[in-house]
């Protein structure tokens, strides 16, 4: 099977029909493939996130990362765009859902798409992955150390996120959660409470916490990177999406 892929900037209709930017990577030489919406972390729509998007294409998925900061800071650097969005309290939940829905529609319309869509997010994107899976009909969701999915943000936090506990009965698909045991947001206590509530609701999920890892352990360009945790995490992601997004 070919390992060729195509990666490019595209534009598509997001929330309320707004045309936003996204980074698309898709495999070439494959007849049928699932789609993955990649939700970037709070530092923004940056080169490391685009590299992750290309990685999904290499492994046989069409992946689209929406630039969630397109409206606040079009054309700005990731750092400047992230600062503008933090100052505004973060991406509104309703808009996030609309942007992910638009990305999913784009992926489903690609030639060769099998119609199945997964979502994955890192940091704030982890919480937003859960939000999307509770608000849209999806086939699989991955939460990579998403803070404030279950507990309230601390006082003075630079985001206005609300916990998602009330939405969990609407979770539409299996959920994979990957967390650092040394993380503070989300803390092990939050992860445990989140896990227990999903179990109580009978929602299919699997959570894994890594000893010696804190927040952002997937980030190869940061001191927080933990190779063993990240390697095992990627293995679980490929197994999970392979089960739920295959043709």
Foldseek 3Di string as FASTA:
>chain_A
DDLDKDKDKDWWQFPPRDIFIKIKMAEPPAQAAEEEEEEEALLFDDDVSSVVQNVVRSVGYIYMYTRLLCVQDNPDHSNVSSVSQLQVQHRDLNRLLRRVVGVLVVRCPDRRYPSAYEYEYAACGLLSQQSNQLVDQHQEYERELYFQCADHDDPPGSHDDHHVLVSLLSRNYEYEYEFEQPEVRVHPVRVVVVVVSCVVSVHHYDYDYDYPAYGPCLPPVDPRPDVVSNVVVVVVVCVRCCVGTPD
